[in-house]
Amino acid sequence: MTYLKTFTAAAFALALSTGAAVAACGAASNAQFAAAIAHGHAYTKHAAEFVNGAVEAGLAFPDPTIANANDFAGFLEGILNAPTQNKALVNGRHGYWDATTGTIIITNANVNDCGTAFRPSAGVTYYNSQN
């Protein structure tokens, strides 16, 4: 355990000394993860997938169009609270799948925006392939 603490501290010091960014999400609850993801790159990049009727993997988005990042955060929090499936992934990430909307959420405490959310074109096959 002492070795791990020493190694972690050394890696952190090296990152700081080289100017590398040390990312940290800081979210501690589903609501915080949802808000950070929605206000990160996910909504800006994937908003068109969350329009009523938009089709991904043969599934039309059944909900009303999500109009802004705040609404997206509420949508994501609902999935995080009651996913169809969820699993631990490598590097401390966690995957959540919502079968009704065909949405994947990947939380990642190692990045500033806490992860991502989108509707993969391969649907649940994409979710199942995540490690």
N, C-alpha and C. Protein backbone atom coordinates (compact mmCIF):
# COMPACT_ATOMS: atom_id res chain seq x y z
N MET A 1 0.82 -1.19 0.00
CA MET A 1 0.00 0.00 0.00
C MET A 1 0.87 1.25 0.00
N THR A 2 1.95 1.25 0.75
CA THR A 2 2.84 2.40 0.79
C THR A 2 3.44 2.64 -0.59
N TYR A 3 3.81 1.55 -1.28
CA TYR A 3 4.36 1.68 -2.62
C TYR A 3 3.35 2.37 -3.54
N LEU A 4 2.08 1.95 -3.48
CA LEU A 4 1.05 2.54 -4.32
C LEU A 4 0.88 4.02 -4.04
N LYS A 5 0.84 4.39 -2.76
CA LYS A 5 0.72 5.80 -2.41
C LYS A 5 1.91 6.59 -2.92
N THR A 6 3.13 6.02 -2.78
CA THR A 6 4.33 6.69 -3.24
C THR A 6 4.30 6.83 -4.75
N PHE A 7 3.92 5.75 -5.45
CA PHE A 7 3.85 5.78 -6.91
C PHE A 7 2.82 6.81 -7.38
N THR A 8 1.65 6.82 -6.77
CA THR A 8 0.60 7.75 -7.16
C THR A 8 1.05 9.19 -6.95
N ALA A 9 1.66 9.46 -5.81
CA ALA A 9 2.16 10.81 -5.52
C ALA A 9 3.25 11.19 -6.51
N ALA A 10 4.12 10.24 -6.84
CA ALA A 10 5.19 10.51 -7.79
C ALA A 10 4.62 10.79 -9.18
N ALA A 11 3.63 10.03 -9.60
CA ALA A 11 3.01 10.25 -10.91
C ALA A 11 2.33 11.61 -10.96
N PHE A 12 1.66 11.98 -9.89
CA PHE A 12 0.99 13.27 -9.82
C PHE A 12 2.03 14.40 -9.90
N ALA A 13 3.11 14.26 -9.15
CA ALA A 13 4.17 15.28 -9.17
C ALA A 13 4.79 15.39 -10.56
N LEU A 14 5.01 14.25 -11.22
CA LEU A 14 5.56 14.26 -12.57
C LEU A 14 4.61 14.97 -13.52
N ALA A 15 3.33 14.68 -13.44
CA ALA A 15 2.35 15.34 -14.31
C ALA A 15 2.38 16.85 -14.11
N LEU A 16 2.45 17.27 -12.86
CA LEU A 16 2.48 18.71 -12.58
C LEU A 16 3.76 19.35 -13.10
N SER A 17 4.89 18.66 -12.91
CA SER A 17 6.16 19.23 -13.32
C SER A 17 6.31 19.31 -14.83
N THR A 18 5.62 18.44 -15.56
CA THR A 18 5.71 18.45 -17.02
C THR A 18 4.63 19.30 -17.66
N GLY A 19 3.74 19.84 -16.83
CA GLY A 19 2.67 20.68 -17.36
C GLY A 19 1.48 19.88 -17.85
N ALA A 20 1.48 18.56 -17.64
CA ALA A 20 0.36 17.73 -18.07
C ALA A 20 -0.86 18.05 -17.20
N ALA A 21 -2.01 17.98 -17.81
CA ALA A 21 -3.25 18.23 -17.08
C ALA A 21 -3.57 17.05 -16.18
N VAL A 22 -3.97 17.33 -14.98
CA VAL A 22 -4.42 16.30 -14.07
C VAL A 22 -5.93 16.46 -13.96
N ALA A 23 -6.64 15.60 -14.68
CA ALA A 23 -8.09 15.73 -14.75
C ALA A 23 -8.74 15.06 -13.55
N ALA A 24 -9.82 15.64 -13.11
CA ALA A 24 -10.59 15.03 -12.03
C ALA A 24 -12.03 15.49 -12.15
N CYS A 25 -12.93 14.55 -12.11
CA CYS A 25 -14.34 14.84 -12.28
C CYS A 25 -14.92 15.51 -11.05
N GLY A 26 -14.76 14.92 -9.90
CA GLY A 26 -15.28 15.50 -8.67
C GLY A 26 -16.73 15.19 -8.36
N ALA A 27 -17.44 14.50 -9.25
CA ALA A 27 -18.84 14.17 -8.99
C ALA A 27 -18.94 13.06 -7.96
N ALA A 28 -19.93 13.17 -7.08
CA ALA A 28 -20.11 12.16 -6.03
C ALA A 28 -21.50 11.53 -6.07
N SER A 29 -22.39 12.06 -6.89
CA SER A 29 -23.76 11.52 -6.95
C SER A 29 -24.19 11.41 -8.41
N ASN A 30 -25.27 10.67 -8.65
CA ASN A 30 -25.79 10.56 -10.01
C ASN A 30 -26.16 11.93 -10.57
N ALA A 31 -26.74 12.78 -9.74
CA ALA A 31 -27.12 14.12 -10.20
C ALA A 31 -25.89 14.92 -10.63
N GLN A 32 -24.81 14.80 -9.88
CA GLN A 32 -23.59 15.53 -10.22
C GLN A 32 -22.94 14.97 -11.48
N PHE A 33 -22.90 13.63 -11.61
CA PHE A 33 -22.38 13.04 -12.84
C PHE A 33 -23.21 13.48 -14.03
N ALA A 34 -24.54 13.43 -13.92
CA ALA A 34 -25.42 13.81 -15.02
C ALA A 34 -25.21 15.25 -15.43
N ALA A 35 -25.11 16.15 -14.47
CA ALA A 35 -24.91 17.57 -14.78
C ALA A 35 -23.58 17.81 -15.46
N ALA A 36 -22.52 17.18 -14.95
CA ALA A 36 -21.19 17.37 -15.54
C ALA A 36 -21.13 16.82 -16.96
N ILE A 37 -21.70 15.64 -17.18
CA ILE A 37 -21.70 15.05 -18.52
C ILE A 37 -22.52 15.93 -19.48
N ALA A 38 -23.70 16.36 -19.04
CA ALA A 38 -24.57 17.16 -19.89
C ALA A 38 -23.95 18.50 -20.27
N HIS A 39 -23.19 19.08 -19.35
CA HIS A 39 -22.57 20.38 -19.61
C HIS A 39 -21.15 20.25 -20.13
N GLY A 40 -20.70 19.02 -20.36
CA GLY A 40 -19.41 18.77 -21.00
C GLY A 40 -19.61 18.68 -22.50
N HIS A 41 -18.88 17.78 -23.14
CA HIS A 41 -18.97 17.68 -24.59
C HIS A 41 -20.20 16.92 -25.07
N ALA A 42 -20.81 16.10 -24.22
CA ALA A 42 -21.84 15.15 -24.66
C ALA A 42 -23.04 15.82 -25.32
N TYR A 43 -23.61 16.83 -24.69
CA TYR A 43 -24.80 17.45 -25.28
C TYR A 43 -24.44 18.20 -26.57
N THR A 44 -23.36 18.94 -26.54
CA THR A 44 -22.95 19.70 -27.72
C THR A 44 -22.72 18.78 -28.91
N LYS A 45 -22.05 17.66 -28.67
CA LYS A 45 -21.68 16.75 -29.75
C LYS A 45 -22.85 15.86 -30.19
N HIS A 46 -23.71 15.46 -29.25
CA HIS A 46 -24.72 14.43 -29.56
C HIS A 46 -26.16 14.90 -29.49
N ALA A 47 -26.42 16.20 -29.39
CA ALA A 47 -27.79 16.71 -29.23
C ALA A 47 -28.74 16.20 -30.31
N ALA A 48 -28.26 16.09 -31.54
CA ALA A 48 -29.13 15.66 -32.65
C ALA A 48 -29.67 14.24 -32.46
N GLU A 49 -29.01 13.44 -31.64
CA GLU A 49 -29.47 12.07 -31.39
C GLU A 49 -30.65 12.04 -30.43
N PHE A 50 -30.90 13.16 -29.74
CA PHE A 50 -31.94 13.22 -28.72
C PHE A 50 -33.11 14.10 -29.15
N VAL A 51 -33.42 14.03 -30.44
CA VAL A 51 -34.56 14.72 -31.03
C VAL A 51 -35.66 13.68 -31.20
N ASN A 52 -36.89 14.01 -30.83
CA ASN A 52 -37.99 13.07 -30.96
C ASN A 52 -38.03 12.51 -32.37
N GLY A 53 -37.98 11.17 -32.45
CA GLY A 53 -38.04 10.49 -33.74
C GLY A 53 -36.70 10.20 -34.37
N ALA A 54 -35.60 10.78 -33.86
CA ALA A 54 -34.27 10.51 -34.42
C ALA A 54 -33.96 9.03 -34.26
N VAL A 55 -33.51 8.40 -35.34
CA VAL A 55 -33.30 6.95 -35.34
C VAL A 55 -31.82 6.62 -35.20
N GLU A 56 -31.51 5.77 -34.23
CA GLU A 56 -30.19 5.18 -34.04
C GLU A 56 -30.40 3.70 -33.80
N ALA A 57 -29.63 2.86 -34.47
CA ALA A 57 -29.72 1.40 -34.33
C ALA A 57 -31.16 0.91 -34.51
N GLY A 58 -31.89 1.54 -35.43
CA GLY A 58 -33.26 1.11 -35.71
C GLY A 58 -34.29 1.54 -34.68
N LEU A 59 -33.88 2.34 -33.70
CA LEU A 59 -34.78 2.76 -32.63
C LEU A 59 -34.97 4.28 -32.70
N ALA A 60 -36.23 4.69 -32.85
CA ALA A 60 -36.54 6.13 -32.85
C ALA A 60 -36.52 6.63 -31.41
N PHE A 61 -35.98 7.82 -31.21
CA PHE A 61 -35.97 8.40 -29.86
C PHE A 61 -37.41 8.69 -29.47
N PRO A 62 -37.91 8.03 -28.41
CA PRO A 62 -39.33 8.10 -28.09
C PRO A 62 -39.74 9.31 -27.25
N ASP A 63 -38.79 9.94 -26.61
CA ASP A 63 -39.09 11.04 -25.70
C ASP A 63 -39.22 12.36 -26.46
N PRO A 64 -39.78 13.38 -25.80
CA PRO A 64 -39.76 14.71 -26.42
C PRO A 64 -38.31 15.14 -26.66
N THR A 65 -38.11 15.98 -27.64
CA THR A 65 -36.78 16.49 -27.95
C THR A 65 -36.17 17.14 -26.70
N ILE A 66 -34.89 16.82 -26.46
CA ILE A 66 -34.17 17.43 -25.35
C ILE A 66 -33.60 18.75 -25.85
N ALA A 67 -34.07 19.85 -25.31
CA ALA A 67 -33.81 21.17 -25.87
C ALA A 67 -32.55 21.86 -25.38
N ASN A 68 -32.00 21.42 -24.24
CA ASN A 68 -30.82 22.12 -23.70
C ASN A 68 -30.06 21.20 -22.75
N ALA A 69 -28.89 21.64 -22.32
CA ALA A 69 -28.04 20.83 -21.46
C ALA A 69 -28.68 20.55 -20.10
N ASN A 70 -29.44 21.48 -19.57
CA ASN A 70 -30.10 21.24 -18.28
C ASN A 70 -31.14 20.12 -18.40
N ASP A 71 -31.91 20.12 -19.47
CA ASP A 71 -32.88 19.04 -19.69
C ASP A 71 -32.15 17.72 -19.92
N PHE A 72 -31.01 17.78 -20.63
CA PHE A 72 -30.21 16.59 -20.88
C PHE A 72 -29.72 16.01 -19.55
N ALA A 73 -29.32 16.86 -18.63
CA ALA A 73 -28.86 16.40 -17.31
C ALA A 73 -29.98 15.64 -16.59
N GLY A 74 -31.19 16.16 -16.62
CA GLY A 74 -32.32 15.47 -15.99
C GLY A 74 -32.59 14.12 -16.63
N PHE A 75 -32.52 14.07 -17.95
CA PHE A 75 -32.69 12.82 -18.69
C PHE A 75 -31.63 11.80 -18.28
N LEU A 76 -30.37 12.24 -18.23
CA LEU A 76 -29.26 11.34 -17.86
C LEU A 76 -29.39 10.85 -16.43
N GLU A 77 -29.79 11.73 -15.53
CA GLU A 77 -29.94 11.33 -14.14
C GLU A 77 -30.98 10.21 -14.01
N GLY A 78 -32.06 10.30 -14.78
CA GLY A 78 -33.07 9.24 -14.76
C GLY A 78 -32.49 7.89 -15.16
N ILE A 79 -31.63 7.89 -16.17
CA ILE A 79 -30.99 6.63 -16.59
C ILE A 79 -30.02 6.15 -15.53
N LEU A 80 -29.20 7.05 -14.98
CA LEU A 80 -28.24 6.64 -13.95
C LEU A 80 -28.95 6.05 -12.74
N ASN A 81 -30.12 6.57 -12.41
CA ASN A 81 -30.87 6.07 -11.25
C ASN A 81 -31.56 4.74 -11.51
N ALA A 82 -31.90 4.45 -12.77
CA ALA A 82 -32.64 3.21 -13.08
C ALA A 82 -32.27 2.70 -14.47
N PRO A 83 -31.01 2.28 -14.66
CA PRO A 83 -30.61 1.79 -15.99
C PRO A 83 -31.21 0.41 -16.28
N THR A 84 -31.32 0.08 -17.55
CA THR A 84 -31.71 -1.27 -17.95
C THR A 84 -30.60 -2.24 -17.59
N GLN A 85 -29.36 -1.83 -17.86
CA GLN A 85 -28.17 -2.61 -17.52
C GLN A 85 -27.09 -1.64 -17.05
N ASN A 86 -26.17 -2.15 -16.26
CA ASN A 86 -24.99 -1.35 -15.92
C ASN A 86 -23.85 -2.29 -15.56
N LYS A 87 -22.64 -1.81 -15.74
CA LYS A 87 -21.46 -2.64 -15.44
C LYS A 87 -20.24 -1.78 -15.21
N ALA A 88 -19.32 -2.33 -14.43
CA ALA A 88 -18.03 -1.68 -14.22
C ALA A 88 -17.19 -1.86 -15.48
N LEU A 89 -16.44 -0.82 -15.83
CA LEU A 89 -15.54 -0.86 -16.98
C LEU A 89 -14.11 -0.62 -16.49
N VAL A 90 -13.14 -0.80 -17.35
CA VAL A 90 -11.74 -0.61 -16.98
C VAL A 90 -11.47 0.86 -16.65
N ASN A 91 -10.40 1.08 -15.96
CA ASN A 91 -9.93 2.42 -15.60
C ASN A 91 -10.92 3.20 -14.74
N GLY A 92 -11.68 2.51 -13.90
CA GLY A 92 -12.59 3.17 -12.99
C GLY A 92 -13.84 3.75 -13.63
N ARG A 93 -14.09 3.41 -14.90
CA ARG A 93 -15.28 3.90 -15.58
C ARG A 93 -16.46 2.97 -15.28
N HIS A 94 -17.67 3.43 -15.59
CA HIS A 94 -18.86 2.61 -15.38
C HIS A 94 -19.81 2.87 -16.55
N GLY A 95 -20.40 1.80 -17.08
CA GLY A 95 -21.32 1.92 -18.20
C GLY A 95 -22.75 1.70 -17.78
N TYR A 96 -23.66 2.47 -18.37
CA TYR A 96 -25.10 2.37 -18.11
C TYR A 96 -25.82 2.31 -19.45
N TRP A 97 -26.80 1.42 -19.57
CA TRP A 97 -27.56 1.27 -20.81
C TRP A 97 -29.04 1.48 -20.52
N ASP A 98 -29.69 2.23 -21.40
CA ASP A 98 -31.13 2.42 -21.33
C ASP A 98 -31.73 1.87 -22.62
N ALA A 99 -32.43 0.74 -22.51
CA ALA A 99 -32.99 0.07 -23.69
C ALA A 99 -34.14 0.85 -24.32
N THR A 100 -34.89 1.58 -23.53
CA THR A 100 -36.05 2.31 -24.05
C THR A 100 -35.64 3.39 -25.04
N THR A 101 -34.53 4.07 -24.76
CA THR A 101 -34.09 5.17 -25.62
C THR A 101 -32.83 4.83 -26.43
N GLY A 102 -32.21 3.68 -26.15
CA GLY A 102 -30.98 3.31 -26.84
C GLY A 102 -29.81 4.21 -26.47
N THR A 103 -29.76 4.60 -25.20
CA THR A 103 -28.73 5.53 -24.73
C THR A 103 -27.70 4.83 -23.86
N ILE A 104 -26.43 5.12 -24.11
CA ILE A 104 -25.35 4.67 -23.24
C ILE A 104 -24.79 5.88 -22.50
N ILE A 105 -24.49 5.67 -21.23
CA ILE A 105 -23.77 6.67 -20.44
C ILE A 105 -22.52 5.97 -19.93
N ILE A 106 -21.39 6.62 -20.07
CA ILE A 106 -20.15 6.12 -19.49
C ILE A 106 -19.64 7.18 -18.53
N THR A 107 -19.65 6.85 -17.24
CA THR A 107 -19.10 7.78 -16.26
C THR A 107 -17.61 7.52 -16.13
N ASN A 108 -16.87 8.60 -15.93
CA ASN A 108 -15.42 8.49 -15.84
C ASN A 108 -14.91 9.59 -14.91
N ALA A 109 -14.56 9.21 -13.72
CA ALA A 109 -14.10 10.18 -12.72
C ALA A 109 -12.71 10.72 -13.03
N ASN A 110 -12.06 10.19 -14.07
CA ASN A 110 -10.71 10.62 -14.42
C ASN A 110 -10.65 11.76 -15.42
N VAL A 111 -11.81 12.23 -15.89
CA VAL A 111 -11.84 13.33 -16.86
C VAL A 111 -12.70 14.47 -16.33
N ASN A 112 -12.42 15.67 -16.76
CA ASN A 112 -13.10 16.85 -16.23
C ASN A 112 -14.60 16.85 -16.44
N ASP A 113 -15.08 16.34 -17.59
CA ASP A 113 -16.53 16.38 -17.84
C ASP A 113 -17.24 15.11 -17.36
N CYS A 114 -16.55 14.27 -16.64
CA CYS A 114 -17.11 13.10 -15.93
C CYS A 114 -17.63 12.00 -16.83
N GLY A 115 -17.40 12.06 -18.13
CA GLY A 115 -17.81 10.97 -19.01
C GLY A 115 -18.53 11.45 -20.24
N THR A 116 -19.39 10.58 -20.78
CA THR A 116 -20.10 10.89 -22.01
C THR A 116 -21.44 10.17 -22.02
N ALA A 117 -22.29 10.58 -22.95
CA ALA A 117 -23.58 9.94 -23.17
C ALA A 117 -23.98 10.15 -24.62
N PHE A 118 -24.49 9.10 -25.24
CA PHE A 118 -24.92 9.19 -26.64
C PHE A 118 -25.75 7.96 -26.98
N ARG A 119 -26.28 7.95 -28.19
CA ARG A 119 -27.06 6.82 -28.71
C ARG A 119 -26.22 6.15 -29.79
N PRO A 120 -25.52 5.07 -29.46
CA PRO A 120 -24.60 4.46 -30.44
C PRO A 120 -25.34 3.85 -31.62
N SER A 121 -24.75 3.97 -32.79
CA SER A 121 -25.38 3.43 -34.00
C SER A 121 -25.47 1.91 -33.96
N ALA A 122 -24.63 1.26 -33.15
CA ALA A 122 -24.69 -0.19 -33.00
C ALA A 122 -25.57 -0.62 -31.84
N GLY A 123 -26.20 0.32 -31.17
CA GLY A 123 -27.13 0.01 -30.09
C GLY A 123 -26.50 -0.76 -28.94
N VAL A 124 -27.25 -1.73 -28.42
CA VAL A 124 -26.80 -2.49 -27.25
C VAL A 124 -25.53 -3.28 -27.55
N THR A 125 -25.29 -3.61 -28.82
CA THR A 125 -24.05 -4.31 -29.18
C THR A 125 -22.84 -3.46 -28.79
N TYR A 126 -22.95 -2.15 -28.99
CA TYR A 126 -21.87 -1.25 -28.58
C TYR A 126 -21.70 -1.30 -27.06
N TYR A 127 -22.80 -1.19 -26.33
CA TYR A 127 -22.73 -1.28 -24.87
C TYR A 127 -22.07 -2.58 -24.44
N ASN A 128 -22.51 -3.69 -25.02
CA ASN A 128 -21.98 -5.00 -24.64
C ASN A 128 -20.49 -5.13 -24.94
N SER A 129 -19.99 -4.39 -25.93
CA SER A 129 -18.58 -4.48 -26.29
C SER A 129 -17.67 -3.65 -25.39
N GLN A 130 -18.24 -2.83 -24.54
CA GLN A 130 -17.42 -1.97 -23.67
C GLN A 130 -16.82 -2.79 -22.53
N ASN A 131 -15.55 -2.56 -22.26
CA ASN A 131 -14.85 -3.26 -21.17
C ASN A 131 -14.40 -2.28 -20.12
